[in-house]
Amino acid sequence: MIVFFCPDCRGKVEVEPSDVIEGDLLECDLCGAEILVVSESPMKFKLVEEDDF
Protein backbone atom coordinates (compact mmCIF):
# COMPACT_ATOMS: atom_id res chain seq x y z
CA MET A 1 0.00 0.00 0.00
CA ILE A 2 1.27 3.47 -0.88
CA VAL A 3 0.30 6.21 1.56
CA PHE A 4 0.76 9.91 0.84
CA PHE A 5 -0.84 13.14 1.94
CA CYS A 6 -3.11 15.22 -0.28
CA PRO A 7 -1.28 18.35 -1.42
CA ASP A 8 -4.50 20.34 -0.91
CA CYS A 9 -6.01 19.28 2.43
CA ARG A 10 -3.15 17.11 3.82
CA GLY A 11 -5.58 14.19 4.24
CA LYS A 12 -4.15 10.66 4.01
CA VAL A 13 -4.55 8.97 0.62
CA GLU A 14 -3.91 5.23 0.24
CA VAL A 15 -3.53 3.42 -3.10
CA GLU A 16 -2.30 0.03 -4.24
CA PRO A 17 1.03 0.25 -6.09
CA SER A 18 -0.37 -1.88 -8.92
CA ASP A 19 -3.17 0.71 -9.41
CA VAL A 20 -0.77 3.64 -9.88
CA ILE A 21 0.46 4.49 -13.38
CA GLU A 22 2.27 7.66 -14.40
CA GLY A 23 -0.26 10.13 -15.81
CA ASP A 24 -3.20 8.75 -13.78
CA LEU A 25 -5.52 11.03 -11.87
CA LEU A 26 -6.34 10.11 -8.28
CA GLU A 27 -8.98 11.73 -6.10
CA CYS A 28 -8.67 12.67 -2.44
CA ASP A 29 -11.49 11.05 -0.45
CA LEU A 30 -11.59 13.96 2.00
CA CYS A 31 -11.65 17.06 -0.21
CA GLY A 32 -12.21 15.68 -3.73
CA ALA A 33 -9.01 17.24 -5.10
CA GLU A 34 -7.60 15.68 -8.26
CA ILE A 35 -4.02 14.50 -7.87
CA LEU A 36 -1.81 13.66 -10.86
CA VAL A 37 0.73 10.84 -10.68
CA VAL A 38 3.83 12.61 -12.02
CA SER A 39 6.26 9.71 -11.62
CA GLU A 40 6.13 6.06 -10.59
CA SER A 41 9.76 5.67 -9.54
CA PRO A 42 10.18 7.48 -7.29
CA MET A 43 6.51 8.13 -6.58
CA LYS A 44 5.65 11.80 -7.11
CA PHE A 45 2.24 13.43 -7.03
CA LYS A 46 0.98 16.90 -7.98
CA LEU A 47 -2.25 18.73 -7.24
CA VAL A 48 -4.17 19.37 -10.47
CA GLU A 49 -5.10 23.03 -10.85
CA GLU A 50 -7.81 24.30 -13.22
CA ASP A 51 -5.05 26.13 -15.10
CA ASP A 52 -3.40 22.79 -15.94
CA PHE A 53 -6.01 21.99 -18.59
C-alpha atoms as a PDB file:
ATOM      1  CA  MET A   1       0.000   0.000   0.000  1.00  0.00           C
ATOM      2  CA  ILE A   2       1.270   3.474  -0.883  1.00  0.00           C
ATOM      3  CA  VAL A   3       0.297   6.207   1.555  1.00  0.00           C
ATOM      4  CA  PHE A   4       0.761   9.907   0.838  1.00  0.00           C
ATOM      5  CA  PHE A   5      -0.843  13.137   1.940  1.00  0.00           C
ATOM      6  CA  CYS A   6      -3.114  15.217  -0.281  1.00  0.00           C
ATOM      7  CA  PRO A   7      -1.280  18.348  -1.416  1.00  0.00           C
ATOM      8  CA  ASP A   8      -4.503  20.341  -0.910  1.00  0.00           C
ATOM      9  CA  CYS A   9      -6.011  19.280   2.435  1.00  0.00           C
ATOM     10  CA  ARG A  10      -3.154  17.111   3.825  1.00  0.00           C
ATOM     11  CA  GLY A  11      -5.576  14.193   4.235  1.00  0.00           C
ATOM     12  CA  LYS A  12      -4.150  10.665   4.013  1.00  0.00           C
ATOM     13  CA  VAL A  13      -4.551   8.966   0.622  1.00  0.00           C
ATOM     14  CA  GLU A  14      -3.914   5.232   0.245  1.00  0.00           C
ATOM     15  CA  VAL A  15      -3.526   3.423  -3.096  1.00  0.00           C
ATOM     16  CA  GLU A  16      -2.301   0.031  -4.237  1.00  0.00           C
ATOM     17  CA  PRO A  17       1.033   0.252  -6.094  1.00  0.00           C
ATOM     18  CA  SER A  18      -0.374  -1.877  -8.916  1.00  0.00           C
ATOM     19  CA  ASP A  19      -3.168   0.708  -9.415  1.00  0.00           C
ATOM     20  CA  VAL A  20      -0.770   3.642  -9.882  1.00  0.00           C
ATOM     21  CA  ILE A  21       0.462   4.494 -13.383  1.00  0.00           C
ATOM     22  CA  GLU A  22       2.274   7.662 -14.404  1.00  0.00           C
ATOM     23  CA  GLY A  23      -0.261  10.132 -15.814  1.00  0.00           C
ATOM     24  CA  ASP A  24      -3.204   8.754 -13.783  1.00  0.00           C
ATOM     25  CA  LEU A  25      -5.522  11.031 -11.867  1.00  0.00           C
ATOM     26  CA  LEU A  26      -6.337  10.112  -8.277  1.00  0.00           C
ATOM     27  CA  GLU A  27      -8.975  11.735  -6.104  1.00  0.00           C
ATOM     28  CA  CYS A  28      -8.671  12.669  -2.444  1.00  0.00           C
ATOM     29  CA  ASP A  29     -11.489  11.048  -0.454  1.00  0.00           C
ATOM     30  CA  LEU A  30     -11.595  13.964   2.004  1.00  0.00           C
ATOM     31  CA  CYS A  31     -11.650  17.055  -0.212  1.00  0.00           C
ATOM     32  CA  GLY A  32     -12.206  15.676  -3.727  1.00  0.00           C
ATOM     33  CA  ALA A  33      -9.013  17.237  -5.104  1.00  0.00           C
ATOM     34  CA  GLU A  34      -7.604  15.682  -8.258  1.00  0.00           C
ATOM     35  CA  ILE A  35      -4.019  14.496  -7.870  1.00  0.00           C
ATOM     36  CA  LEU A  36      -1.810  13.663 -10.857  1.00  0.00           C
ATOM     37  CA  VAL A  37       0.729  10.840 -10.685  1.00  0.00           C
ATOM     38  CA  VAL A  38       3.827  12.613 -12.016  1.00  0.00           C
ATOM     39  CA  SER A  39       6.263   9.710 -11.617  1.00  0.00           C
ATOM     40  CA  GLU A  40       6.127   6.062 -10.591  1.00  0.00           C
ATOM     41  CA  SER A  41       9.759   5.669  -9.540  1.00  0.00           C
ATOM     42  CA  PRO A  42      10.183   7.477  -7.288  1.00  0.00           C
ATOM     43  CA  MET A  43       6.508   8.130  -6.583  1.00  0.00           C
ATOM     44  CA  LYS A  44       5.652  11.796  -7.110  1.00  0.00           C
ATOM     45  CA  PHE A  45       2.243  13.430  -7.027  1.00  0.00           C
ATOM     46  CA  LYS A  46       0.983  16.901  -7.977  1.00  0.00           C
ATOM     47  CA  LEU A  47      -2.253  18.727  -7.244  1.00  0.00           C
ATOM     48  CA  VAL A  48      -4.173  19.366 -10.466  1.00  0.00           C
ATOM     49  CA  GLU A  49      -5.104  23.029 -10.847  1.00  0.00           C
ATOM     50  CA  GLU A  50      -7.806  24.297 -13.223  1.00  0.00           C
ATOM     51  CA  ASP A  51      -5.050  26.135 -15.099  1.00  0.00           C
ATOM     52  CA  ASP A  52      -3.403  22.787 -15.937  1.00  0.00           C
ATOM     53  CA  PHE A  53      -6.014  21.990 -18.592  1.00  0.00           C
END
